[in-house]
Amino acid sequence: MDAKRETPPAGRSRVLRLVVNGDLHEVLVTPRHTLLDVIRGELGLKGTKEGCTTGSCGVCTVHNDRGEAILSCLTPALEWDGESITTIEGLESGGRLAPIQQAFVEHHAVQCGYCTPGVIMSAQAILNATPEPAEADINDGLAGVICRCTGHIKVKEAVRNAWRYAGGAGPAPGGSHD
C-alpha cells in the first residue's frame, strides 16, 4: 500500500479527489470515512461489498493503480487523495466482460454471488502479478477472500483458464493450464 498521508484532525471534512474506474470524483469526507464508504455511499457503486469490516473476508477488494488488491473497508479514504482505484464495475470495457469475468461465467465460479466481486478482483490481482499463475500463486491470492458457497474449486479453474477469454495464444507449452 502507498505511504500514509497526513489526514486532518478528526471531524474536519476535506474534499477527496479520487479517480474511480477512470472517472475523477470529488467528495467531501472526514478522516473516519473508509474507501468503501466513499465507493458505496458517496459514489453509489454497489458492486464492492461490505462483509466483515475487519479485512478478514475480502469482499471489499478493489485495485490500486498498479492492479494490486486492497481492502477498501480498512483503508482510510483520505489516504487515496489524488490516486486511482478500480472497482468491479471498472473491469469490463466497452460493454464486454473482462477475461476473468468471462472465465467465472464459463466455469460456473459463482454461487450466491455476494463475495463474487471481491473474489474476481482478487483473482484479477493474481493475474496482474502473474499472467500464468502456479497453483501456489492462486491459493495465496485467494486466501484473503472467504467464500462459503464455492470452496474455490471452480474459482481456481476460472483463474487457471482466464487466458482463454483474453484472445491470446494461451500459456507456453508445458504450462499447467487445463
N, C-alpha and C. Protein backbone atom coordinates (compact mmCIF):
# COMPACT_ATOMS: atom_id res chain seq x y z
N MET A 1 0.85 -1.17 0.00
CA MET A 1 0.00 0.00 0.00
C MET A 1 0.89 1.23 0.00
N ASP A 2 0.38 2.29 -0.54
CA ASP A 2 1.14 3.55 -0.61
C ASP A 2 1.41 4.08 0.79
N ALA A 3 2.44 4.91 0.89
CA ALA A 3 2.77 5.54 2.18
C ALA A 3 1.58 6.35 2.68
N LYS A 4 1.42 6.38 3.98
CA LYS A 4 0.31 7.12 4.57
C LYS A 4 0.53 8.61 4.40
N ARG A 5 -0.58 9.29 4.18
CA ARG A 5 -0.55 10.75 4.06
C ARG A 5 -1.12 11.33 5.34
N GLU A 6 -0.78 12.57 5.59
CA GLU A 6 -1.36 13.24 6.75
C GLU A 6 -2.84 13.46 6.51
N THR A 7 -3.62 13.24 7.55
CA THR A 7 -5.06 13.49 7.46
C THR A 7 -5.40 14.60 8.44
N PRO A 8 -6.46 15.34 8.14
CA PRO A 8 -6.85 16.42 9.05
C PRO A 8 -7.34 15.86 10.38
N PRO A 9 -7.40 16.69 11.41
CA PRO A 9 -7.89 16.23 12.71
C PRO A 9 -9.28 15.62 12.58
N ALA A 10 -9.59 14.68 13.48
CA ALA A 10 -10.88 14.00 13.47
C ALA A 10 -12.03 15.00 13.41
N GLY A 11 -12.99 14.70 12.56
CA GLY A 11 -14.17 15.54 12.47
C GLY A 11 -14.10 16.62 11.40
N ARG A 12 -12.92 16.99 10.97
CA ARG A 12 -12.80 18.04 9.95
C ARG A 12 -12.97 17.43 8.57
N SER A 13 -13.90 17.98 7.82
CA SER A 13 -14.15 17.49 6.47
C SER A 13 -13.13 18.06 5.49
N ARG A 14 -12.92 17.30 4.44
CA ARG A 14 -11.99 17.70 3.39
C ARG A 14 -12.47 17.11 2.06
N VAL A 15 -12.15 17.79 0.98
CA VAL A 15 -12.51 17.28 -0.34
C VAL A 15 -11.48 16.22 -0.74
N LEU A 16 -12.00 15.06 -1.09
CA LEU A 16 -11.18 13.96 -1.58
C LEU A 16 -11.32 13.93 -3.09
N ARG A 17 -10.20 13.95 -3.78
CA ARG A 17 -10.18 13.82 -5.23
C ARG A 17 -9.66 12.43 -5.54
N LEU A 18 -10.51 11.65 -6.18
CA LEU A 18 -10.20 10.24 -6.40
C LEU A 18 -10.68 9.83 -7.78
N VAL A 19 -9.82 9.15 -8.52
CA VAL A 19 -10.21 8.61 -9.81
C VAL A 19 -10.68 7.17 -9.59
N VAL A 20 -11.94 6.94 -9.93
CA VAL A 20 -12.52 5.61 -9.76
C VAL A 20 -12.98 5.13 -11.13
N ASN A 21 -12.44 4.00 -11.55
CA ASN A 21 -12.79 3.41 -12.85
C ASN A 21 -12.60 4.41 -14.00
N GLY A 22 -11.56 5.24 -13.85
CA GLY A 22 -11.22 6.20 -14.90
C GLY A 22 -11.90 7.55 -14.81
N ASP A 23 -12.83 7.72 -13.89
CA ASP A 23 -13.55 8.98 -13.74
C ASP A 23 -13.13 9.70 -12.46
N LEU A 24 -12.85 11.00 -12.58
CA LEU A 24 -12.48 11.80 -11.42
C LEU A 24 -13.72 12.15 -10.60
N HIS A 25 -13.63 11.93 -9.30
CA HIS A 25 -14.70 12.27 -8.37
C HIS A 25 -14.13 13.16 -7.28
N GLU A 26 -14.94 14.10 -6.84
CA GLU A 26 -14.60 14.93 -5.69
C GLU A 26 -15.72 14.78 -4.68
N VAL A 27 -15.37 14.31 -3.50
CA VAL A 27 -16.37 14.10 -2.46
C VAL A 27 -15.85 14.65 -1.14
N LEU A 28 -16.77 15.13 -0.33
CA LEU A 28 -16.44 15.65 0.98
C LEU A 28 -16.42 14.50 1.98
N VAL A 29 -15.28 14.31 2.63
CA VAL A 29 -15.11 13.20 3.57
C VAL A 29 -14.45 13.69 4.86
N THR A 30 -14.57 12.88 5.88
CA THR A 30 -13.85 13.11 7.14
C THR A 30 -12.81 12.00 7.27
N PRO A 31 -11.90 12.12 8.21
CA PRO A 31 -10.91 11.07 8.42
C PRO A 31 -11.53 9.72 8.77
N ARG A 32 -12.77 9.70 9.20
CA ARG A 32 -13.43 8.44 9.56
C ARG A 32 -13.94 7.66 8.34
N HIS A 33 -14.06 8.31 7.20
CA HIS A 33 -14.54 7.62 6.01
C HIS A 33 -13.50 6.62 5.51
N THR A 34 -13.99 5.43 5.19
CA THR A 34 -13.12 4.45 4.54
C THR A 34 -13.32 4.57 3.03
N LEU A 35 -12.44 3.94 2.30
CA LEU A 35 -12.58 3.90 0.85
C LEU A 35 -13.90 3.22 0.49
N LEU A 36 -14.28 2.21 1.23
CA LEU A 36 -15.56 1.53 0.99
C LEU A 36 -16.74 2.48 1.19
N ASP A 37 -16.67 3.32 2.23
CA ASP A 37 -17.73 4.32 2.46
C ASP A 37 -17.90 5.20 1.23
N VAL A 38 -16.79 5.63 0.66
CA VAL A 38 -16.83 6.52 -0.50
C VAL A 38 -17.39 5.78 -1.71
N ILE A 39 -16.88 4.57 -1.96
CA ILE A 39 -17.30 3.80 -3.13
C ILE A 39 -18.80 3.53 -3.10
N ARG A 40 -19.28 3.00 -2.00
CA ARG A 40 -20.69 2.61 -1.91
C ARG A 40 -21.61 3.79 -1.57
N GLY A 41 -21.25 4.54 -0.54
CA GLY A 41 -22.14 5.58 -0.05
C GLY A 41 -22.13 6.86 -0.84
N GLU A 42 -20.96 7.32 -1.21
CA GLU A 42 -20.84 8.60 -1.90
C GLU A 42 -20.96 8.46 -3.42
N LEU A 43 -20.37 7.39 -3.98
CA LEU A 43 -20.38 7.23 -5.43
C LEU A 43 -21.50 6.31 -5.92
N GLY A 44 -22.11 5.56 -4.99
CA GLY A 44 -23.22 4.70 -5.37
C GLY A 44 -22.84 3.46 -6.15
N LEU A 45 -21.58 3.07 -6.09
CA LEU A 45 -21.13 1.85 -6.77
C LEU A 45 -21.33 0.68 -5.80
N LYS A 46 -22.29 -0.16 -6.08
CA LYS A 46 -22.69 -1.20 -5.14
C LYS A 46 -22.05 -2.55 -5.39
N GLY A 47 -21.19 -2.67 -6.41
CA GLY A 47 -20.54 -3.94 -6.68
C GLY A 47 -19.57 -4.34 -5.59
N THR A 48 -18.86 -3.38 -5.03
CA THR A 48 -17.94 -3.65 -3.93
C THR A 48 -18.78 -3.84 -2.68
N LYS A 49 -18.64 -4.99 -2.05
CA LYS A 49 -19.50 -5.35 -0.92
C LYS A 49 -18.85 -5.05 0.43
N GLU A 50 -19.70 -4.95 1.44
CA GLU A 50 -19.25 -4.85 2.82
C GLU A 50 -19.59 -6.15 3.51
N GLY A 51 -18.57 -6.80 4.04
CA GLY A 51 -18.80 -8.07 4.72
C GLY A 51 -18.51 -7.97 6.20
N CYS A 52 -17.25 -8.01 6.54
CA CYS A 52 -16.85 -8.11 7.95
C CYS A 52 -16.42 -6.78 8.56
N THR A 53 -16.01 -5.82 7.78
CA THR A 53 -15.43 -4.53 8.19
C THR A 53 -14.13 -4.68 9.01
N THR A 54 -13.54 -5.86 8.97
CA THR A 54 -12.27 -6.08 9.66
C THR A 54 -11.16 -6.52 8.70
N GLY A 55 -11.48 -6.62 7.42
CA GLY A 55 -10.49 -7.05 6.44
C GLY A 55 -10.30 -8.55 6.39
N SER A 56 -11.14 -9.30 7.06
CA SER A 56 -10.99 -10.75 7.12
C SER A 56 -11.62 -11.49 5.95
N CYS A 57 -12.66 -10.92 5.33
CA CYS A 57 -13.41 -11.69 4.33
C CYS A 57 -13.03 -11.37 2.89
N GLY A 58 -12.51 -10.19 2.60
CA GLY A 58 -12.07 -9.84 1.26
C GLY A 58 -13.14 -9.42 0.28
N VAL A 59 -14.40 -9.35 0.68
CA VAL A 59 -15.45 -8.99 -0.28
C VAL A 59 -15.40 -7.53 -0.68
N CYS A 60 -14.60 -6.73 0.01
CA CYS A 60 -14.48 -5.30 -0.30
C CYS A 60 -13.27 -5.00 -1.19
N THR A 61 -12.67 -6.02 -1.79
CA THR A 61 -11.43 -5.85 -2.55
C THR A 61 -11.62 -4.99 -3.80
N VAL A 62 -10.72 -4.03 -3.95
CA VAL A 62 -10.61 -3.19 -5.14
C VAL A 62 -9.14 -3.17 -5.53
N HIS A 63 -8.80 -2.51 -6.63
CA HIS A 63 -7.40 -2.44 -7.07
C HIS A 63 -6.86 -1.02 -6.98
N ASN A 64 -5.59 -0.91 -6.65
CA ASN A 64 -4.91 0.38 -6.76
C ASN A 64 -4.48 0.56 -8.22
N ASP A 65 -3.78 1.63 -8.52
CA ASP A 65 -3.43 1.92 -9.92
C ASP A 65 -2.40 0.94 -10.50
N ARG A 66 -1.83 0.10 -9.67
CA ARG A 66 -0.90 -0.94 -10.14
C ARG A 66 -1.58 -2.29 -10.29
N GLY A 67 -2.91 -2.33 -10.08
CA GLY A 67 -3.65 -3.57 -10.22
C GLY A 67 -3.51 -4.51 -9.03
N GLU A 68 -3.04 -3.98 -7.91
CA GLU A 68 -2.89 -4.77 -6.69
C GLU A 68 -4.17 -4.70 -5.87
N ALA A 69 -4.49 -5.81 -5.20
CA ALA A 69 -5.69 -5.88 -4.37
C ALA A 69 -5.50 -5.07 -3.09
N ILE A 70 -6.53 -4.29 -2.75
CA ILE A 70 -6.54 -3.58 -1.48
C ILE A 70 -7.91 -3.77 -0.84
N LEU A 71 -7.94 -3.79 0.46
CA LEU A 71 -9.18 -3.96 1.21
C LEU A 71 -9.77 -2.58 1.50
N SER A 72 -10.84 -2.26 0.83
CA SER A 72 -11.40 -0.91 0.93
C SER A 72 -12.08 -0.64 2.27
N CYS A 73 -12.46 -1.69 3.01
CA CYS A 73 -13.13 -1.47 4.30
C CYS A 73 -12.15 -1.01 5.38
N LEU A 74 -10.89 -1.28 5.19
CA LEU A 74 -9.86 -0.91 6.17
C LEU A 74 -9.10 0.35 5.79
N THR A 75 -9.24 0.78 4.56
CA THR A 75 -8.41 1.84 4.02
C THR A 75 -9.04 3.20 4.23
N PRO A 76 -8.40 4.08 4.99
CA PRO A 76 -8.93 5.44 5.13
C PRO A 76 -8.99 6.13 3.76
N ALA A 77 -10.13 6.69 3.44
CA ALA A 77 -10.33 7.30 2.13
C ALA A 77 -9.31 8.40 1.85
N LEU A 78 -8.99 9.19 2.85
CA LEU A 78 -8.08 10.32 2.63
C LEU A 78 -6.67 9.89 2.24
N GLU A 79 -6.31 8.65 2.49
CA GLU A 79 -5.01 8.15 2.04
C GLU A 79 -4.94 8.05 0.52
N TRP A 80 -6.08 8.08 -0.13
CA TRP A 80 -6.15 7.89 -1.57
C TRP A 80 -6.41 9.18 -2.31
N ASP A 81 -6.29 10.30 -1.64
CA ASP A 81 -6.49 11.60 -2.30
C ASP A 81 -5.52 11.72 -3.47
N GLY A 82 -6.06 11.98 -4.66
CA GLY A 82 -5.25 12.13 -5.86
C GLY A 82 -4.86 10.82 -6.53
N GLU A 83 -5.32 9.71 -6.00
CA GLU A 83 -4.95 8.40 -6.53
C GLU A 83 -6.07 7.82 -7.40
N SER A 84 -5.80 6.65 -7.95
CA SER A 84 -6.76 5.95 -8.80
C SER A 84 -7.03 4.56 -8.24
N ILE A 85 -8.28 4.14 -8.34
CA ILE A 85 -8.66 2.78 -7.97
C ILE A 85 -9.60 2.23 -9.04
N THR A 86 -9.71 0.92 -9.03
CA THR A 86 -10.65 0.23 -9.92
C THR A 86 -11.52 -0.66 -9.06
N THR A 87 -12.82 -0.60 -9.31
CA THR A 87 -13.78 -1.48 -8.64
C THR A 87 -14.22 -2.54 -9.64
N ILE A 88 -15.04 -3.46 -9.20
CA ILE A 88 -15.56 -4.50 -10.09
C ILE A 88 -16.25 -3.89 -11.31
N GLU A 89 -16.91 -2.76 -11.14
CA GLU A 89 -17.59 -2.11 -12.26
C GLU A 89 -16.61 -1.63 -13.33
N GLY A 90 -15.37 -1.41 -12.94
CA GLY A 90 -14.37 -0.89 -13.87
C GLY A 90 -13.62 -1.95 -14.65
N LEU A 91 -13.86 -3.23 -14.37
CA LEU A 91 -13.14 -4.27 -15.10
C LEU A 91 -13.64 -4.43 -16.53
N GLU A 92 -14.94 -4.35 -16.72
CA GLU A 92 -15.46 -4.51 -18.08
C GLU A 92 -15.06 -3.30 -18.91
N SER A 93 -15.01 -3.51 -20.21
CA SER A 93 -14.61 -2.44 -21.10
C SER A 93 -15.48 -2.46 -22.35
N GLY A 94 -16.09 -1.34 -22.67
CA GLY A 94 -16.91 -1.24 -23.86
C GLY A 94 -18.07 -2.21 -23.87
N GLY A 95 -18.61 -2.49 -22.69
CA GLY A 95 -19.73 -3.41 -22.60
C GLY A 95 -19.34 -4.88 -22.64
N ARG A 96 -18.04 -5.16 -22.66
CA ARG A 96 -17.55 -6.54 -22.69
C ARG A 96 -16.94 -6.89 -21.35
N LEU A 97 -17.25 -8.08 -20.88
CA LEU A 97 -16.66 -8.55 -19.64
C LEU A 97 -15.16 -8.69 -19.79
N ALA A 98 -14.45 -8.47 -18.70
CA ALA A 98 -13.02 -8.73 -18.67
C ALA A 98 -12.82 -10.25 -18.78
N PRO A 99 -11.66 -10.69 -19.27
CA PRO A 99 -11.43 -12.14 -19.39
C PRO A 99 -11.69 -12.91 -18.09
N ILE A 100 -11.31 -12.38 -16.94
CA ILE A 100 -11.54 -13.11 -15.69
C ILE A 100 -13.04 -13.19 -15.40
N GLN A 101 -13.78 -12.15 -15.71
CA GLN A 101 -15.22 -12.19 -15.50
C GLN A 101 -15.86 -13.24 -16.41
N GLN A 102 -15.44 -13.28 -17.67
CA GLN A 102 -15.97 -14.27 -18.60
C GLN A 102 -15.60 -15.68 -18.15
N ALA A 103 -14.38 -15.85 -17.65
CA ALA A 103 -13.95 -17.16 -17.15
C ALA A 103 -14.83 -17.60 -15.98
N PHE A 104 -15.18 -16.66 -15.11
CA PHE A 104 -16.06 -17.01 -13.98
C PHE A 104 -17.42 -17.48 -14.48
N VAL A 105 -17.95 -16.83 -15.49
CA VAL A 105 -19.24 -17.24 -16.06
C VAL A 105 -19.11 -18.64 -16.67
N GLU A 106 -18.13 -18.82 -17.52
CA GLU A 106 -17.97 -20.09 -18.24
C GLU A 106 -17.66 -21.27 -17.32
N HIS A 107 -16.98 -21.01 -16.23
CA HIS A 107 -16.60 -22.09 -15.30
C HIS A 107 -17.56 -22.20 -14.12
N HIS A 108 -18.66 -21.46 -14.17
CA HIS A 108 -19.68 -21.52 -13.11
C HIS A 108 -19.04 -21.29 -11.73
N ALA A 109 -18.22 -20.25 -11.65
CA ALA A 109 -17.44 -19.97 -10.45
C ALA A 109 -18.18 -19.05 -9.47
N VAL A 110 -19.47 -18.98 -9.60
CA VAL A 110 -20.25 -18.16 -8.67
C VAL A 110 -21.38 -19.01 -8.09
N GLN A 111 -21.73 -18.70 -6.88
CA GLN A 111 -22.86 -19.38 -6.25
C GLN A 111 -23.87 -18.32 -5.86
N CYS A 112 -23.85 -17.89 -4.60
CA CYS A 112 -24.82 -16.88 -4.17
C CYS A 112 -24.50 -15.51 -4.76
N GLY A 113 -23.24 -15.26 -5.05
CA GLY A 113 -22.83 -14.02 -5.69
C GLY A 113 -22.37 -12.92 -4.77
N TYR A 114 -22.58 -13.04 -3.47
CA TYR A 114 -22.23 -11.95 -2.58
C TYR A 114 -20.73 -11.66 -2.59
N CYS A 115 -19.93 -12.68 -2.51
CA CYS A 115 -18.48 -12.47 -2.46
C CYS A 115 -17.86 -12.35 -3.85
N THR A 116 -18.62 -12.63 -4.88
CA THR A 116 -18.08 -12.70 -6.24
C THR A 116 -17.27 -11.48 -6.65
N PRO A 117 -17.74 -10.25 -6.42
CA PRO A 117 -16.89 -9.11 -6.82
C PRO A 117 -15.51 -9.12 -6.15
N GLY A 118 -15.47 -9.43 -4.87
CA GLY A 118 -14.18 -9.49 -4.17
C GLY A 118 -13.31 -10.62 -4.66
N VAL A 119 -13.92 -11.77 -4.96
CA VAL A 119 -13.17 -12.90 -5.48
C VAL A 119 -12.61 -12.57 -6.86
N ILE A 120 -13.44 -11.97 -7.72
CA ILE A 120 -12.97 -11.61 -9.06
C ILE A 120 -11.85 -10.59 -8.99
N MET A 121 -11.98 -9.59 -8.13
CA MET A 121 -10.93 -8.58 -8.01
C MET A 121 -9.64 -9.20 -7.48
N SER A 122 -9.74 -10.14 -6.55
CA SER A 122 -8.56 -10.84 -6.05
C SER A 122 -7.95 -11.71 -7.14
N ALA A 123 -8.80 -12.39 -7.90
CA ALA A 123 -8.32 -13.23 -9.00
C ALA A 123 -7.62 -12.38 -10.06
N GLN A 124 -8.19 -11.22 -10.38
CA GLN A 124 -7.57 -10.34 -11.37
C GLN A 124 -6.22 -9.83 -10.86
N ALA A 125 -6.12 -9.56 -9.57
CA ALA A 125 -4.85 -9.11 -8.99
C ALA A 125 -3.79 -10.21 -9.12
N ILE A 126 -4.20 -11.47 -8.98
CA ILE A 126 -3.27 -12.59 -9.19
C ILE A 126 -2.75 -12.54 -10.62
N LEU A 127 -3.67 -12.41 -11.58
CA LEU A 127 -3.30 -12.40 -12.99
C LEU A 127 -2.49 -11.17 -13.36
N ASN A 128 -2.75 -10.05 -12.70
CA ASN A 128 -1.95 -8.84 -12.94
C ASN A 128 -0.50 -9.05 -12.53
N ALA A 129 -0.30 -9.78 -11.45
CA ALA A 129 1.05 -10.04 -10.94
C ALA A 129 1.73 -11.18 -11.69
N THR A 130 0.95 -12.20 -12.07
CA THR A 130 1.49 -13.40 -12.69
C THR A 130 0.49 -13.90 -13.73
N PRO A 131 0.68 -13.55 -15.01
CA PRO A 131 -0.30 -13.94 -16.03
C PRO A 131 -0.55 -15.44 -16.14
N GLU A 132 0.45 -16.24 -15.79
CA GLU A 132 0.30 -17.70 -15.79
C GLU A 132 0.61 -18.21 -14.38
N PRO A 133 -0.31 -18.00 -13.45
CA PRO A 133 -0.02 -18.33 -12.06
C PRO A 133 0.06 -19.83 -11.79
N ALA A 134 0.98 -20.19 -10.92
CA ALA A 134 1.06 -21.56 -10.42
C ALA A 134 -0.05 -21.75 -9.38
N GLU A 135 -0.30 -22.98 -9.04
CA GLU A 135 -1.35 -23.29 -8.05
C GLU A 135 -1.09 -22.55 -6.73
N ALA A 136 0.17 -22.46 -6.33
CA ALA A 136 0.51 -21.75 -5.08
C ALA A 136 0.17 -20.27 -5.18
N ASP A 137 0.40 -19.66 -6.37
CA ASP A 137 0.05 -18.25 -6.57
C ASP A 137 -1.45 -18.04 -6.43
N ILE A 138 -2.21 -18.95 -7.02
CA ILE A 138 -3.67 -18.86 -6.95
C ILE A 138 -4.14 -19.02 -5.51
N ASN A 139 -3.61 -20.03 -4.83
CA ASN A 139 -4.01 -20.26 -3.43
C ASN A 139 -3.67 -19.06 -2.55
N ASP A 140 -2.47 -18.51 -2.72
CA ASP A 140 -2.07 -17.35 -1.93
C ASP A 140 -2.94 -16.15 -2.23
N GLY A 141 -3.23 -15.91 -3.50
CA GLY A 141 -4.02 -14.75 -3.91
C GLY A 141 -5.47 -14.81 -3.48
N LEU A 142 -6.00 -16.01 -3.35
CA LEU A 142 -7.40 -16.17 -2.95
C LEU A 142 -7.56 -16.39 -1.45
N ALA A 143 -6.46 -16.55 -0.74
CA ALA A 143 -6.53 -16.87 0.69
C ALA A 143 -7.25 -15.80 1.50
N GLY A 144 -7.23 -14.56 1.04
CA GLY A 144 -7.85 -13.49 1.80
C GLY A 144 -9.32 -13.27 1.51
N VAL A 145 -9.92 -14.14 0.70
CA VAL A 145 -11.33 -13.98 0.35
C VAL A 145 -12.10 -15.20 0.82
N ILE A 146 -13.09 -14.97 1.65
CA ILE A 146 -13.91 -16.06 2.16
C ILE A 146 -15.13 -16.24 1.27
N CYS A 147 -15.29 -17.46 0.79
CA CYS A 147 -16.49 -17.83 0.03
C CYS A 147 -16.99 -19.12 0.65
N ARG A 148 -18.16 -19.06 1.21
CA ARG A 148 -18.71 -20.25 1.87
C ARG A 148 -19.48 -21.15 0.91
N CYS A 149 -19.70 -20.69 -0.32
CA CYS A 149 -20.52 -21.46 -1.26
C CYS A 149 -19.70 -22.31 -2.23
N THR A 150 -18.62 -21.78 -2.78
CA THR A 150 -17.94 -22.47 -3.87
C THR A 150 -16.80 -23.36 -3.44
N GLY A 151 -16.17 -23.07 -2.33
CA GLY A 151 -14.98 -23.82 -1.95
C GLY A 151 -13.79 -23.52 -2.83
N HIS A 152 -13.93 -22.54 -3.71
CA HIS A 152 -12.87 -22.05 -4.60
C HIS A 152 -12.44 -23.03 -5.68
N ILE A 153 -13.04 -24.20 -5.79
CA ILE A 153 -12.64 -25.15 -6.83
C ILE A 153 -12.91 -24.57 -8.21
N LYS A 154 -14.12 -24.13 -8.47
CA LYS A 154 -14.46 -23.54 -9.76
C LYS A 154 -13.75 -22.20 -9.96
N VAL A 155 -13.54 -21.47 -8.88
CA VAL A 155 -12.83 -20.19 -8.95
C VAL A 155 -11.40 -20.43 -9.45
N LYS A 156 -10.74 -21.42 -8.89
CA LYS A 156 -9.37 -21.74 -9.31
C LYS A 156 -9.33 -22.16 -10.77
N GLU A 157 -10.33 -22.92 -11.22
CA GLU A 157 -10.41 -23.30 -12.63
C GLU A 157 -10.52 -22.05 -13.50
N ALA A 158 -11.35 -21.11 -13.08
CA ALA A 158 -11.52 -19.86 -13.84
C ALA A 158 -10.22 -19.08 -13.92
N VAL A 159 -9.49 -18.98 -12.81
CA VAL A 159 -8.22 -18.24 -12.81
C VAL A 159 -7.21 -18.94 -13.72
N ARG A 160 -7.13 -20.26 -13.62
CA ARG A 160 -6.18 -21.01 -14.48
C ARG A 160 -6.50 -20.86 -15.96
N ASN A 161 -7.76 -20.63 -16.29
CA ASN A 161 -8.18 -20.62 -17.68
C ASN A 161 -8.60 -19.25 -18.21
N ALA A 162 -8.39 -18.20 -17.46
CA ALA A 162 -8.81 -16.86 -17.89
C ALA A 162 -8.13 -16.44 -19.18
N TRP A 163 -6.92 -16.92 -19.44
CA TRP A 163 -6.21 -16.57 -20.67
C TRP A 163 -7.02 -16.93 -21.90
N ARG A 164 -7.87 -17.95 -21.82
CA ARG A 164 -8.66 -18.38 -22.98
C ARG A 164 -9.66 -17.31 -23.43
N TYR A 165 -10.00 -16.41 -22.53
CA TYR A 165 -11.00 -15.40 -22.83
C TYR A 165 -10.37 -14.05 -23.17
N ALA A 166 -9.03 -14.03 -23.19
CA ALA A 166 -8.31 -12.79 -23.49
C ALA A 166 -7.98 -12.68 -24.96
N GLY A 167 -8.26 -13.71 -25.74
CA GLY A 167 -7.95 -13.67 -27.16
C GLY A 167 -6.49 -13.91 -27.45
N GLY A 168 -5.75 -14.33 -26.42
CA GLY A 168 -4.33 -14.58 -26.59
C GLY A 168 -4.07 -15.99 -27.07
N ALA A 169 -2.82 -16.27 -27.28
CA ALA A 169 -2.41 -17.58 -27.78
C ALA A 169 -2.43 -18.63 -26.69
N GLY A 170 -2.52 -18.21 -25.44
CA GLY A 170 -2.56 -19.17 -24.34
C GLY A 170 -1.21 -19.31 -23.68
N PRO A 171 -1.14 -20.24 -22.75
CA PRO A 171 0.09 -20.40 -22.00
C PRO A 171 1.18 -21.05 -22.84
N ALA A 172 2.39 -20.92 -22.37
CA ALA A 172 3.53 -21.52 -23.05
C ALA A 172 3.41 -23.04 -22.98
N PRO A 173 4.00 -23.76 -23.94
CA PRO A 173 3.99 -25.22 -23.89
C PRO A 173 4.53 -25.70 -22.55
N GLY A 174 3.88 -26.73 -22.01
CA GLY A 174 4.30 -27.26 -20.72
C GLY A 174 3.65 -26.55 -19.56
N GLY A 175 2.81 -25.56 -19.82
CA GLY A 175 2.10 -24.86 -18.75
C GLY A 175 1.12 -25.77 -18.08
N SER A 176 0.66 -25.38 -16.91
CA SER A 176 -0.22 -26.24 -16.11
C SER A 176 -1.69 -25.95 -16.34
N HIS A 177 -2.04 -25.25 -17.41
CA HIS A 177 -3.43 -24.89 -17.63
C HIS A 177 -4.21 -26.05 -18.19
N ASP A 178 -5.48 -26.12 -17.78
CA ASP A 178 -6.37 -27.19 -18.27
C ASP A 178 -6.75 -26.94 -19.72
